[in-house]
């Protein structure tokens, strides 16, 4: 009976995962000690609902991006710090969900928390929502730095996915310490081959990404 139960647990665990496309990996398989706070598999995001395509709280990246991210994690670990990921690979179906939501001007459930100073009708114009995302190419990641012992995030001056100029990488609306914290993240990510996005301090894309013109749509499970 015990042997049967053991075999069942192995099979059940295997079926929870999926066979990823060639060149993709589960982030935790490469960086076991990284923190994941994957917002789109929960209700804690700018829409307020779990997003299409996010079936399990697991992070996926191209293997090339994950290996470079491990270099960042290893260097930060020397100082008692580490990375926390908010989003990584994002299927096109999730991007399509964002687009449908952005066009429904009546749905403002999370406005006060995520975009209090932005009119929802301007989300496309201002570049916060787009019909294509570099995340769907598999080598873009949204993240921050934490203290490894407490899991506390360092102060970046605004939260993840806060739609406002205060979230721009070089915003002048934050303190000197917050600016220094953003600079730390930017410099260490650039050192290991990632490029930043000027309007989101948390957003980085591998410079030498393996799928620079291909957008994937497999679900995260």
N, C-alpha and C. Protein backbone atom coordinates (compact mmCIF):
# COMPACT_ATOMS: atom_id res chain seq x y z
N UNK A 1 0.83 -1.21 0.00
CA UNK A 1 0.00 0.00 0.00
C UNK A 1 0.87 1.27 0.00
N UNK A 2 1.93 1.25 0.81
CA UNK A 2 2.83 2.41 0.89
C UNK A 2 3.51 2.66 -0.46
N UNK A 3 3.90 1.55 -1.11
CA UNK A 3 4.55 1.68 -2.41
C UNK A 3 3.60 2.28 -3.43
N UNK A 4 2.34 1.85 -3.36
CA UNK A 4 1.32 2.37 -4.28
C UNK A 4 1.11 3.86 -4.08
N UNK A 5 1.04 4.27 -2.80
CA UNK A 5 0.86 5.68 -2.46
C UNK A 5 2.05 6.50 -2.94
N UNK A 6 3.25 5.97 -2.78
CA UNK A 6 4.46 6.66 -3.21
C UNK A 6 4.45 6.88 -4.72
N UNK A 7 4.07 5.82 -5.47
CA UNK A 7 4.01 5.94 -6.92
C UNK A 7 2.95 6.95 -7.35
N UNK A 8 1.84 6.98 -6.60
CA UNK A 8 0.78 7.94 -6.92
C UNK A 8 1.25 9.38 -6.72
N UNK A 9 1.97 9.60 -5.62
CA UNK A 9 2.46 10.95 -5.32
C UNK A 9 3.46 11.40 -6.39
N UNK A 10 4.30 10.50 -6.85
CA UNK A 10 5.25 10.84 -7.91
C UNK A 10 4.50 11.21 -9.18
N UNK A 11 3.49 10.40 -9.52
CA UNK A 11 2.72 10.67 -10.74
C UNK A 11 1.97 11.98 -10.62
N UNK A 12 1.37 12.24 -9.44
CA UNK A 12 0.60 13.47 -9.23
C UNK A 12 1.50 14.69 -9.33
N UNK A 13 2.69 14.59 -8.74
CA UNK A 13 3.64 15.70 -8.80
C UNK A 13 4.06 15.96 -10.24
N UNK A 14 4.27 14.90 -11.00
CA UNK A 14 4.70 15.05 -12.39
C UNK A 14 3.62 15.71 -13.24
N UNK A 15 2.37 15.33 -12.99
CA UNK A 15 1.28 15.88 -13.81
C UNK A 15 1.00 17.33 -13.50
N UNK A 16 1.43 17.83 -12.35
CA UNK A 16 1.24 19.24 -12.02
C UNK A 16 2.12 20.11 -12.91
N UNK A 17 3.28 19.59 -13.27
CA UNK A 17 4.20 20.35 -14.11
C UNK A 17 3.88 20.09 -15.58
N UNK A 18 4.49 20.87 -16.42
CA UNK A 18 4.30 20.68 -17.85
C UNK A 18 5.66 20.55 -18.51
N UNK A 19 5.65 19.98 -19.68
CA UNK A 19 6.88 19.93 -20.46
C UNK A 19 7.03 21.27 -21.15
N UNK A 20 8.03 22.00 -20.77
CA UNK A 20 8.21 23.34 -21.30
C UNK A 20 8.79 23.30 -22.71
N UNK A 21 8.54 24.34 -23.49
CA UNK A 21 9.17 24.43 -24.81
C UNK A 21 10.69 24.42 -24.68
N UNK A 22 11.35 23.95 -25.68
CA UNK A 22 12.81 23.89 -25.67
C UNK A 22 13.41 25.27 -25.40
N UNK A 23 14.29 25.34 -24.43
CA UNK A 23 14.93 26.61 -24.10
C UNK A 23 14.34 27.31 -22.89
N UNK A 24 13.26 26.75 -22.33
CA UNK A 24 12.61 27.34 -21.16
C UNK A 24 12.83 26.45 -19.93
N UNK A 25 12.84 27.09 -18.74
CA UNK A 25 13.02 26.36 -17.48
C UNK A 25 12.14 26.97 -16.40
N UNK A 26 11.89 26.17 -15.37
CA UNK A 26 11.29 26.71 -14.15
C UNK A 26 12.40 27.42 -13.37
N UNK A 27 12.14 28.64 -12.97
CA UNK A 27 13.17 29.45 -12.32
C UNK A 27 13.72 28.77 -11.07
N UNK A 28 12.84 28.17 -10.29
CA UNK A 28 13.27 27.54 -9.03
C UNK A 28 14.21 26.36 -9.28
N UNK A 29 14.14 25.75 -10.45
CA UNK A 29 15.07 24.66 -10.76
C UNK A 29 16.50 25.18 -10.94
N UNK A 30 16.63 26.44 -11.33
CA UNK A 30 17.94 27.06 -11.53
C UNK A 30 18.37 27.85 -10.30
N UNK A 31 17.41 28.52 -9.65
CA UNK A 31 17.71 29.36 -8.48
C UNK A 31 16.78 28.96 -7.34
N UNK A 32 17.09 27.88 -6.62
CA UNK A 32 16.18 27.36 -5.59
C UNK A 32 15.85 28.35 -4.47
N UNK A 33 16.77 29.26 -4.17
CA UNK A 33 16.56 30.16 -3.03
C UNK A 33 15.94 31.50 -3.42
N UNK A 34 15.49 31.65 -4.65
CA UNK A 34 14.88 32.92 -5.05
C UNK A 34 13.46 33.00 -4.52
N UNK A 35 13.00 34.20 -4.20
CA UNK A 35 11.64 34.40 -3.72
C UNK A 35 10.71 34.69 -4.89
N UNK A 36 9.53 34.09 -4.86
CA UNK A 36 8.53 34.34 -5.88
C UNK A 36 7.27 34.93 -5.23
N UNK A 37 6.81 36.04 -5.76
CA UNK A 37 5.54 36.63 -5.34
C UNK A 37 4.78 36.97 -6.64
N UNK A 38 4.28 35.93 -7.26
CA UNK A 38 3.74 36.05 -8.61
C UNK A 38 2.33 36.62 -8.56
N UNK A 39 2.23 37.91 -8.83
CA UNK A 39 0.99 38.65 -8.59
C UNK A 39 -0.17 38.24 -9.50
N UNK A 40 0.14 37.79 -10.72
CA UNK A 40 -0.94 37.55 -11.68
C UNK A 40 -1.64 36.20 -11.49
N UNK A 41 -1.11 35.39 -10.59
CA UNK A 41 -1.80 34.15 -10.25
C UNK A 41 -2.69 34.36 -9.02
N UNK A 42 -2.74 35.61 -8.53
CA UNK A 42 -3.55 35.98 -7.37
C UNK A 42 -4.48 37.14 -7.74
N UNK A 43 -5.18 37.65 -6.74
CA UNK A 43 -6.03 38.83 -6.95
C UNK A 43 -5.30 40.13 -6.67
N UNK A 44 -4.05 40.02 -6.19
CA UNK A 44 -3.30 41.23 -5.82
C UNK A 44 -2.52 41.74 -7.03
N UNK A 45 -3.26 42.37 -7.95
CA UNK A 45 -2.65 42.97 -9.13
C UNK A 45 -3.55 44.11 -9.61
N UNK A 46 -3.15 44.81 -10.65
CA UNK A 46 -3.87 46.02 -11.04
C UNK A 46 -5.27 45.76 -11.59
N UNK A 47 -5.58 44.49 -11.90
CA UNK A 47 -6.94 44.15 -12.33
C UNK A 47 -7.79 43.69 -11.15
N UNK A 48 -7.16 42.97 -10.22
CA UNK A 48 -7.89 42.50 -9.04
C UNK A 48 -8.43 41.09 -9.19
N UNK A 49 -7.97 40.36 -10.23
CA UNK A 49 -8.40 38.99 -10.47
C UNK A 49 -7.21 38.18 -10.99
N UNK A 50 -7.30 36.85 -10.82
CA UNK A 50 -6.28 35.99 -11.41
C UNK A 50 -6.34 36.13 -12.93
N UNK A 51 -5.17 36.18 -13.54
CA UNK A 51 -5.07 36.47 -14.97
C UNK A 51 -5.04 35.19 -15.80
N UNK A 52 -5.66 35.24 -16.96
CA UNK A 52 -5.67 34.10 -17.88
C UNK A 52 -4.25 33.61 -18.16
N UNK A 53 -4.07 32.29 -18.12
CA UNK A 53 -2.77 31.71 -18.44
C UNK A 53 -1.91 31.43 -17.22
N UNK A 54 -2.26 32.01 -16.06
CA UNK A 54 -1.51 31.79 -14.83
C UNK A 54 -2.24 30.74 -14.01
N UNK A 55 -1.88 29.48 -14.21
CA UNK A 55 -2.59 28.37 -13.57
C UNK A 55 -1.94 27.91 -12.27
N UNK A 56 -0.64 28.14 -12.13
CA UNK A 56 0.06 27.76 -10.90
C UNK A 56 1.09 28.83 -10.55
N UNK A 57 1.41 28.98 -9.26
CA UNK A 57 2.39 29.99 -8.84
C UNK A 57 3.82 29.54 -9.05
N UNK A 58 4.18 29.35 -10.32
CA UNK A 58 5.56 28.97 -10.66
C UNK A 58 6.09 29.97 -11.68
N UNK A 59 7.36 30.28 -11.57
CA UNK A 59 7.99 31.22 -12.48
C UNK A 59 8.73 30.49 -13.59
N UNK A 60 8.61 31.00 -14.79
CA UNK A 60 9.26 30.40 -15.96
C UNK A 60 10.04 31.48 -16.71
N UNK A 61 11.23 31.12 -17.18
CA UNK A 61 12.04 32.00 -18.02
C UNK A 61 12.76 31.14 -19.05
N UNK A 62 13.35 31.80 -20.05
CA UNK A 62 14.28 31.05 -20.89
C UNK A 62 15.46 30.63 -20.01
N UNK A 63 16.05 29.51 -20.36
CA UNK A 63 17.19 29.01 -19.57
C UNK A 63 18.31 30.04 -19.56
N UNK A 64 18.51 30.70 -20.69
CA UNK A 64 19.58 31.69 -20.79
C UNK A 64 19.36 32.83 -19.79
N UNK A 65 18.12 33.31 -19.69
CA UNK A 65 17.82 34.40 -18.75
C UNK A 65 17.92 33.93 -17.32
N UNK A 66 17.45 32.72 -17.04
CA UNK A 66 17.50 32.19 -15.67
C UNK A 66 18.94 32.02 -15.19
N UNK A 67 19.81 31.56 -16.06
CA UNK A 67 21.21 31.39 -15.67
C UNK A 67 21.88 32.73 -15.37
N UNK A 68 21.55 33.75 -16.16
CA UNK A 68 22.11 35.08 -15.89
C UNK A 68 21.52 35.66 -14.60
N UNK A 69 20.26 35.36 -14.36
CA UNK A 69 19.62 35.84 -13.13
C UNK A 69 20.25 35.16 -11.91
N UNK A 70 20.67 33.92 -12.07
CA UNK A 70 21.35 33.23 -10.97
C UNK A 70 22.64 33.94 -10.60
N UNK A 71 23.32 34.50 -11.59
CA UNK A 71 24.54 35.27 -11.31
C UNK A 71 24.22 36.48 -10.42
N UNK A 72 23.09 37.13 -10.71
CA UNK A 72 22.67 38.28 -9.89
C UNK A 72 22.38 37.82 -8.47
N UNK A 73 21.61 36.72 -8.35
CA UNK A 73 21.26 36.20 -7.03
C UNK A 73 22.51 35.82 -6.24
N UNK A 74 23.44 35.18 -6.89
CA UNK A 74 24.68 34.75 -6.20
C UNK A 74 25.47 35.95 -5.70
N UNK A 75 25.55 37.00 -6.50
CA UNK A 75 26.31 38.18 -6.07
C UNK A 75 25.61 38.88 -4.90
N UNK A 76 24.30 39.02 -4.98
CA UNK A 76 23.56 39.65 -3.89
C UNK A 76 23.66 38.84 -2.60
N UNK A 77 23.72 37.51 -2.74
CA UNK A 77 23.77 36.64 -1.56
C UNK A 77 25.00 36.91 -0.71
N UNK A 78 26.06 37.36 -1.34
CA UNK A 78 27.29 37.67 -0.59
C UNK A 78 27.07 38.79 0.41
N UNK A 79 26.00 39.58 0.20
CA UNK A 79 25.71 40.71 1.09
C UNK A 79 24.42 40.49 1.88
N UNK A 80 23.98 39.25 1.95
CA UNK A 80 22.77 38.92 2.70
C UNK A 80 21.50 39.38 2.01
N UNK A 81 21.58 39.57 0.71
CA UNK A 81 20.42 40.04 -0.05
C UNK A 81 20.07 39.04 -1.13
N UNK A 82 18.93 39.25 -1.78
CA UNK A 82 18.51 38.36 -2.85
C UNK A 82 17.43 39.01 -3.68
N UNK A 83 16.87 38.23 -4.58
CA UNK A 83 15.85 38.73 -5.50
C UNK A 83 14.47 38.20 -5.15
N UNK A 84 13.47 39.02 -5.42
CA UNK A 84 12.07 38.58 -5.38
C UNK A 84 11.46 38.88 -6.74
N UNK A 85 10.82 37.87 -7.33
CA UNK A 85 10.23 38.02 -8.66
C UNK A 85 8.72 38.20 -8.56
N UNK A 86 8.22 39.21 -9.28
CA UNK A 86 6.78 39.46 -9.36
C UNK A 86 6.16 38.85 -10.62
N UNK A 87 6.93 38.80 -11.70
CA UNK A 87 6.45 38.21 -12.94
C UNK A 87 7.65 37.87 -13.81
N UNK A 88 7.49 36.84 -14.62
CA UNK A 88 8.56 36.43 -15.54
C UNK A 88 7.94 36.18 -16.90
N UNK A 89 8.04 34.94 -17.41
CA UNK A 89 7.35 34.64 -18.67
C UNK A 89 5.85 34.90 -18.51
N UNK A 90 5.27 35.54 -19.51
CA UNK A 90 3.85 35.87 -19.50
C UNK A 90 3.22 35.43 -20.83
N UNK A 91 2.28 34.48 -20.79
CA UNK A 91 1.68 34.03 -22.06
C UNK A 91 0.90 35.15 -22.76
N UNK A 92 0.83 35.08 -24.08
CA UNK A 92 0.11 36.09 -24.85
C UNK A 92 -1.35 36.18 -24.43
N UNK A 93 -1.93 35.06 -23.98
CA UNK A 93 -3.33 35.10 -23.54
C UNK A 93 -3.51 36.03 -22.34
N UNK A 94 -2.48 36.16 -21.50
CA UNK A 94 -2.54 37.09 -20.38
C UNK A 94 -2.48 38.54 -20.87
N UNK A 95 -1.64 38.78 -21.86
CA UNK A 95 -1.54 40.12 -22.45
C UNK A 95 -2.87 40.49 -23.09
N UNK A 96 -3.50 39.54 -23.78
CA UNK A 96 -4.81 39.78 -24.39
C UNK A 96 -5.85 40.13 -23.33
N UNK A 97 -5.75 39.46 -22.17
CA UNK A 97 -6.65 39.75 -21.05
C UNK A 97 -6.46 41.19 -20.59
N UNK A 98 -5.20 41.63 -20.46
CA UNK A 98 -4.92 43.01 -20.08
C UNK A 98 -5.56 43.99 -21.06
N UNK A 99 -5.44 43.70 -22.34
CA UNK A 99 -5.97 44.58 -23.38
C UNK A 99 -7.49 44.68 -23.27
N UNK A 100 -8.17 43.54 -23.11
CA UNK A 100 -9.64 43.56 -22.96
C UNK A 100 -10.04 44.36 -21.74
N UNK A 101 -9.31 44.16 -20.64
CA UNK A 101 -9.63 44.89 -19.41
C UNK A 101 -9.43 46.39 -19.60
N UNK A 102 -8.36 46.78 -20.25
CA UNK A 102 -8.06 48.21 -20.44
C UNK A 102 -9.14 48.90 -21.27
N UNK A 103 -9.79 48.16 -22.15
CA UNK A 103 -10.83 48.75 -23.00
C UNK A 103 -12.18 48.85 -22.28
N UNK A 104 -12.31 48.16 -21.16
CA UNK A 104 -13.54 48.23 -20.37
C UNK A 104 -13.38 49.33 -19.32
N UNK A 105 -13.77 50.53 -19.66
CA UNK A 105 -13.53 51.69 -18.78
C UNK A 105 -14.34 51.66 -17.50
N UNK A 106 -15.31 50.76 -17.42
CA UNK A 106 -16.15 50.69 -16.22
C UNK A 106 -15.50 49.88 -15.11
N UNK A 107 -14.50 49.07 -15.43
CA UNK A 107 -13.85 48.21 -14.45
C UNK A 107 -12.64 48.93 -13.85
N UNK A 108 -12.84 49.51 -12.69
CA UNK A 108 -11.76 50.26 -12.02
C UNK A 108 -11.57 49.76 -10.58
N UNK A 109 -11.72 48.47 -10.39
CA UNK A 109 -11.66 47.86 -9.06
C UNK A 109 -10.40 48.24 -8.29
N UNK A 110 -9.24 48.26 -8.96
CA UNK A 110 -7.96 48.47 -8.29
C UNK A 110 -7.36 49.85 -8.57
N UNK A 111 -8.17 50.77 -9.02
CA UNK A 111 -7.65 52.10 -9.39
C UNK A 111 -6.92 52.78 -8.24
N UNK A 112 -7.50 52.82 -7.08
CA UNK A 112 -6.90 53.55 -5.96
C UNK A 112 -5.55 52.98 -5.55
N UNK A 113 -5.37 51.69 -5.70
CA UNK A 113 -4.12 51.06 -5.28
C UNK A 113 -3.04 51.10 -6.36
N UNK A 114 -3.44 50.98 -7.63
CA UNK A 114 -2.45 50.79 -8.68
C UNK A 114 -2.33 51.93 -9.70
N UNK A 115 -3.38 52.71 -9.90
CA UNK A 115 -3.28 53.82 -10.86
C UNK A 115 -4.17 55.00 -10.45
N UNK A 116 -3.98 55.52 -9.24
CA UNK A 116 -4.86 56.56 -8.70
C UNK A 116 -4.81 57.88 -9.47
N UNK A 117 -3.71 58.18 -10.11
CA UNK A 117 -3.59 59.48 -10.80
C UNK A 117 -3.68 59.36 -12.32
N UNK A 118 -3.94 58.16 -12.82
CA UNK A 118 -4.00 57.93 -14.27
C UNK A 118 -5.43 57.59 -14.66
N UNK A 119 -5.95 58.26 -15.67
CA UNK A 119 -7.26 57.93 -16.21
C UNK A 119 -7.14 56.62 -16.97
N UNK A 120 -8.04 55.68 -16.71
CA UNK A 120 -7.92 54.37 -17.34
C UNK A 120 -7.89 54.46 -18.86
N UNK A 121 -8.57 55.40 -19.44
CA UNK A 121 -8.60 55.54 -20.90
C UNK A 121 -7.23 55.90 -21.47
N UNK A 122 -6.32 56.35 -20.60
CA UNK A 122 -4.98 56.76 -21.05
C UNK A 122 -3.92 55.68 -20.86
N UNK A 123 -4.31 54.50 -20.38
CA UNK A 123 -3.32 53.46 -20.10
C UNK A 123 -2.57 53.02 -21.34
N UNK A 124 -3.24 52.96 -22.49
CA UNK A 124 -2.56 52.62 -23.75
C UNK A 124 -1.66 53.77 -24.19
N UNK A 125 -2.21 54.96 -24.19
CA UNK A 125 -1.47 56.15 -24.65
C UNK A 125 -0.20 56.38 -23.84
N UNK A 126 -0.30 56.15 -22.54
CA UNK A 126 0.83 56.40 -21.65
C UNK A 126 1.81 55.21 -21.59
N UNK A 127 1.50 54.13 -22.29
CA UNK A 127 2.44 53.02 -22.39
C UNK A 127 2.39 52.01 -21.26
N UNK A 128 1.35 52.05 -20.43
CA UNK A 128 1.26 51.09 -19.33
C UNK A 128 0.70 49.75 -19.79
N UNK A 129 -0.12 49.76 -20.83
CA UNK A 129 -0.69 48.54 -21.40
C UNK A 129 -0.38 48.53 -22.90
N UNK A 130 -0.01 47.36 -23.43
CA UNK A 130 0.27 47.23 -24.86
C UNK A 130 -0.21 45.87 -25.34
N UNK A 131 -0.37 45.74 -26.64
CA UNK A 131 -0.88 44.50 -27.20
C UNK A 131 0.18 43.41 -27.31
N UNK A 132 1.43 43.77 -27.15
CA UNK A 132 2.53 42.83 -27.10
C UNK A 132 3.39 43.15 -25.88
N UNK A 133 3.96 42.12 -25.28
CA UNK A 133 4.84 42.33 -24.13
C UNK A 133 6.12 41.53 -24.29
N UNK A 134 7.23 42.12 -23.93
CA UNK A 134 8.50 41.40 -23.99
C UNK A 134 8.48 40.19 -23.06
N UNK A 135 7.61 40.21 -22.05
CA UNK A 135 7.50 39.06 -21.15
C UNK A 135 7.14 37.79 -21.91
N UNK A 136 6.37 37.93 -22.99
CA UNK A 136 5.93 36.76 -23.76
C UNK A 136 7.06 36.14 -24.58
N UNK A 137 8.19 36.82 -24.66
CA UNK A 137 9.36 36.25 -25.33
C UNK A 137 10.20 35.42 -24.36
N UNK A 138 9.90 35.52 -23.07
CA UNK A 138 10.49 34.62 -22.09
C UNK A 138 11.75 35.06 -21.39
N UNK A 139 12.27 36.24 -21.74
CA UNK A 139 13.53 36.67 -21.14
C UNK A 139 13.40 38.01 -20.41
N UNK A 140 12.18 38.37 -20.07
CA UNK A 140 11.92 39.59 -19.31
C UNK A 140 11.41 39.21 -17.92
N UNK A 141 11.86 39.95 -16.92
CA UNK A 141 11.48 39.64 -15.55
C UNK A 141 11.20 40.93 -14.78
N UNK A 142 10.20 40.89 -13.91
CA UNK A 142 9.88 41.99 -13.00
C UNK A 142 10.32 41.57 -11.60
N UNK A 143 11.15 42.39 -10.97
CA UNK A 143 11.70 41.94 -9.69
C UNK A 143 12.15 43.10 -8.81
N UNK A 144 12.54 42.75 -7.61
CA UNK A 144 13.12 43.71 -6.67
C UNK A 144 14.16 42.99 -5.83
N UNK A 145 14.79 43.75 -4.92
CA UNK A 145 15.80 43.19 -4.01
C UNK A 145 15.21 43.08 -2.61
N UNK A 146 15.53 41.98 -1.94
CA UNK A 146 15.09 41.78 -0.56
C UNK A 146 16.28 41.45 0.34
N UNK A 147 16.07 41.59 1.64
CA UNK A 147 17.01 41.07 2.62
C UNK A 147 16.66 39.60 2.84
N UNK A 148 17.63 38.72 2.69
CA UNK A 148 17.33 37.29 2.67
C UNK A 148 16.81 36.78 4.01
N UNK A 149 17.31 37.33 5.12
CA UNK A 149 16.88 36.80 6.42
C UNK A 149 15.44 37.19 6.75
N UNK A 150 15.06 38.42 6.48
CA UNK A 150 13.72 38.90 6.81
C UNK A 150 12.73 38.81 5.66
N UNK A 151 13.22 38.61 4.44
CA UNK A 151 12.42 38.62 3.21
C UNK A 151 11.82 40.00 2.92
N UNK A 152 12.30 41.01 3.63
CA UNK A 152 11.77 42.37 3.44
C UNK A 152 12.36 43.02 2.20
N UNK A 153 11.51 43.67 1.42
CA UNK A 153 11.97 44.38 0.23
C UNK A 153 12.69 45.66 0.63
N UNK A 154 13.72 46.01 -0.12
CA UNK A 154 14.32 47.32 0.09
C UNK A 154 13.38 48.37 -0.51
N UNK A 155 13.45 49.57 0.00
CA UNK A 155 12.49 50.62 -0.35
C UNK A 155 12.82 51.22 -1.72
N UNK A 156 11.93 50.99 -2.68
CA UNK A 156 12.13 51.51 -4.03
C UNK A 156 11.28 52.74 -4.32
N UNK A 157 10.50 53.18 -3.37
CA UNK A 157 9.75 54.42 -3.57
C UNK A 157 8.37 54.25 -4.17
N UNK A 158 8.12 53.12 -4.79
CA UNK A 158 6.78 52.78 -5.28
C UNK A 158 6.71 51.27 -5.43
N UNK A 159 5.50 50.74 -5.46
CA UNK A 159 5.33 49.31 -5.56
C UNK A 159 5.33 48.81 -7.00
N UNK A 160 5.40 47.50 -7.14
CA UNK A 160 5.33 46.85 -8.45
C UNK A 160 4.00 47.17 -9.13
N UNK A 161 4.08 47.49 -10.42
CA UNK A 161 2.90 47.78 -11.25
C UNK A 161 2.13 49.02 -10.80
N UNK A 162 2.80 49.94 -10.12
CA UNK A 162 2.14 51.20 -9.78
C UNK A 162 2.30 52.13 -10.98
N UNK A 163 1.18 52.41 -11.63
CA UNK A 163 1.21 53.19 -12.88
C UNK A 163 1.28 54.68 -12.57
N UNK A 164 2.48 55.21 -12.64
CA UNK A 164 2.71 56.61 -12.30
C UNK A 164 4.14 56.98 -12.65
N UNK A 165 4.40 58.25 -12.94
CA UNK A 165 5.79 58.69 -13.17
C UNK A 165 6.70 58.42 -11.98
N UNK A 166 6.14 58.23 -10.79
CA UNK A 166 7.00 57.93 -9.63
C UNK A 166 7.68 56.58 -9.80
N UNK A 167 7.13 55.73 -10.67
CA UNK A 167 7.72 54.41 -10.90
C UNK A 167 8.76 54.41 -12.01
N UNK A 168 8.92 55.54 -12.69
CA UNK A 168 9.95 55.62 -13.72
C UNK A 168 11.32 55.44 -13.07
N UNK A 169 12.21 54.78 -13.75
CA UNK A 169 13.50 54.42 -13.17
C UNK A 169 14.26 55.62 -12.61
N UNK A 170 14.19 56.76 -13.31
CA UNK A 170 14.94 57.95 -12.89
C UNK A 170 14.03 59.03 -12.31
N UNK A 171 12.94 58.62 -11.71
CA UNK A 171 11.99 59.58 -11.15
C UNK A 171 12.66 60.50 -10.12
N UNK A 172 12.28 61.76 -10.15
CA UNK A 172 12.80 62.73 -9.17
C UNK A 172 11.83 62.88 -8.01
N UNK A 173 10.79 62.05 -7.97
CA UNK A 173 9.75 62.16 -6.95
C UNK A 173 10.03 61.29 -5.73
N UNK A 174 11.23 60.73 -5.65
CA UNK A 174 11.56 59.82 -4.56
C UNK A 174 12.77 60.34 -3.79
N UNK A 175 13.05 59.71 -2.65
CA UNK A 175 14.15 60.16 -1.80
C UNK A 175 15.49 59.70 -2.38
N UNK A 176 16.57 60.27 -1.85
CA UNK A 176 17.91 59.87 -2.29
C UNK A 176 18.17 58.40 -2.02
N UNK A 177 17.70 57.90 -0.88
CA UNK A 177 17.91 56.49 -0.54
C UNK A 177 17.15 55.58 -1.50
N UNK A 178 15.92 55.95 -1.82
CA UNK A 178 15.13 55.16 -2.76
C UNK A 178 15.77 55.17 -4.15
N UNK A 179 16.32 56.32 -4.52
CA UNK A 179 17.01 56.42 -5.81
C UNK A 179 18.26 55.53 -5.82
N UNK A 180 18.96 55.50 -4.69
CA UNK A 180 20.16 54.66 -4.58
C UNK A 180 19.77 53.18 -4.65
N UNK A 181 18.66 52.82 -4.06
CA UNK A 181 18.20 51.43 -4.10
C UNK A 181 17.86 51.00 -5.54
N UNK A 182 17.20 51.89 -6.26
CA UNK A 182 16.89 51.59 -7.67
C UNK A 182 18.16 51.47 -8.50
N UNK A 183 19.12 52.33 -8.19
CA UNK A 183 20.38 52.29 -8.92
C UNK A 183 21.12 50.99 -8.66
N UNK A 184 21.07 50.50 -7.42
CA UNK A 184 21.70 49.22 -7.08
C UNK A 184 21.11 48.10 -7.95
N UNK A 185 19.78 48.05 -8.01
CA UNK A 185 19.12 47.03 -8.82
C UNK A 185 19.51 47.16 -10.30
N UNK A 186 19.48 48.38 -10.79
CA UNK A 186 19.80 48.62 -12.20
C UNK A 186 21.23 48.20 -12.53
N UNK A 187 22.17 48.61 -11.70
CA UNK A 187 23.58 48.33 -11.98
C UNK A 187 23.90 46.85 -11.93
N UNK A 188 23.34 46.14 -10.95
CA UNK A 188 23.67 44.72 -10.85
C UNK A 188 22.99 43.92 -11.95
N UNK A 189 21.79 44.35 -12.37
CA UNK A 189 21.13 43.66 -13.48
C UNK A 189 21.87 43.93 -14.80
N UNK A 190 22.29 45.17 -15.00
CA UNK A 190 23.06 45.49 -16.21
C UNK A 190 24.39 44.75 -16.23
N UNK A 191 25.02 44.64 -15.09
CA UNK A 191 26.31 43.93 -14.99
C UNK A 191 26.20 42.51 -15.50
N UNK A 192 25.03 41.89 -15.29
CA UNK A 192 24.85 40.50 -15.66
C UNK A 192 24.00 40.32 -16.92
N UNK A 193 23.94 41.37 -17.74
CA UNK A 193 23.41 41.20 -19.07
C UNK A 193 21.97 41.59 -19.31
N UNK A 194 21.36 42.31 -18.38
CA UNK A 194 19.98 42.73 -18.55
C UNK A 194 19.90 44.23 -18.84
N UNK A 195 18.88 44.63 -19.58
CA UNK A 195 18.67 46.05 -19.83
C UNK A 195 17.37 46.51 -19.15
N UNK A 196 17.37 47.71 -18.59
CA UNK A 196 16.20 48.21 -17.87
C UNK A 196 15.17 48.84 -18.81
N UNK A 197 13.99 49.08 -18.25
CA UNK A 197 12.93 49.81 -18.96
C UNK A 197 12.70 51.11 -18.21
N UNK A 198 12.77 52.23 -18.90
CA UNK A 198 12.79 53.53 -18.25
C UNK A 198 11.53 53.87 -17.45
N UNK A 199 10.38 53.28 -17.81
CA UNK A 199 9.14 53.64 -17.13
C UNK A 199 8.73 52.68 -16.02
N UNK A 200 9.55 51.64 -15.78
CA UNK A 200 9.25 50.68 -14.71
C UNK A 200 10.56 50.25 -14.06
N UNK A 201 10.81 50.67 -12.83
CA UNK A 201 12.08 50.37 -12.19
C UNK A 201 12.29 48.86 -12.01
N UNK A 202 11.22 48.08 -12.00
CA UNK A 202 11.29 46.64 -11.72
C UNK A 202 11.49 45.77 -12.96
N UNK A 203 11.47 46.35 -14.15
CA UNK A 203 11.36 45.60 -15.40
C UNK A 203 12.71 45.51 -16.12
N UNK A 204 13.16 44.28 -16.40
CA UNK A 204 14.45 44.07 -17.07
C UNK A 204 14.33 42.95 -18.11
N UNK A 205 15.02 43.15 -19.23
CA UNK A 205 15.03 42.17 -20.32
C UNK A 205 16.47 41.77 -20.64
N UNK A 206 16.69 40.49 -20.81
CA UNK A 206 18.03 40.02 -21.19
C UNK A 206 18.42 40.64 -22.52
N UNK A 207 19.60 41.25 -22.56
CA UNK A 207 20.04 41.94 -23.79
C UNK A 207 20.16 40.97 -24.96
N UNK A 208 20.74 39.82 -24.69
CA UNK A 208 20.96 38.82 -25.74
C UNK A 208 19.89 37.74 -25.64
N UNK A 209 18.62 38.14 -25.71
CA UNK A 209 17.53 37.17 -25.52
C UNK A 209 17.46 36.19 -26.68
N UNK A 210 17.18 34.92 -26.40
CA UNK A 210 17.20 33.90 -27.45
C UNK A 210 16.01 33.95 -28.41
N UNK A 211 14.89 34.53 -27.96
CA UNK A 211 13.70 34.62 -28.82
C UNK A 211 13.29 36.09 -28.96
N UNK A 212 14.08 36.83 -29.69
CA UNK A 212 13.89 38.28 -29.75
C UNK A 212 12.67 38.70 -30.56
N UNK A 213 12.15 37.81 -31.39
CA UNK A 213 10.99 38.20 -32.20
C UNK A 213 9.88 37.15 -32.17
N UNK A 214 9.87 36.31 -31.13
CA UNK A 214 8.85 35.27 -31.01
C UNK A 214 8.09 35.44 -29.70
N UNK A 215 6.75 35.43 -29.79
CA UNK A 215 5.90 35.61 -28.62
C UNK A 215 5.17 34.29 -28.34
N UNK A 216 5.33 33.79 -27.12
CA UNK A 216 4.79 32.48 -26.76
C UNK A 216 3.44 32.62 -26.05
N UNK A 217 2.67 31.50 -26.08
CA UNK A 217 1.34 31.55 -25.49
C UNK A 217 1.02 30.30 -24.66
N UNK A 218 2.02 29.51 -24.30
CA UNK A 218 1.72 28.34 -23.47
C UNK A 218 1.41 28.80 -22.04
N UNK A 219 0.44 28.14 -21.38
CA UNK A 219 0.06 28.55 -20.02
C UNK A 219 1.14 28.21 -18.99
N UNK A 220 1.05 28.88 -17.86
CA UNK A 220 1.98 28.63 -16.76
C UNK A 220 1.33 27.62 -15.82
N UNK A 221 1.85 26.40 -15.83
CA UNK A 221 1.27 25.35 -14.98
C UNK A 221 2.32 24.31 -14.60
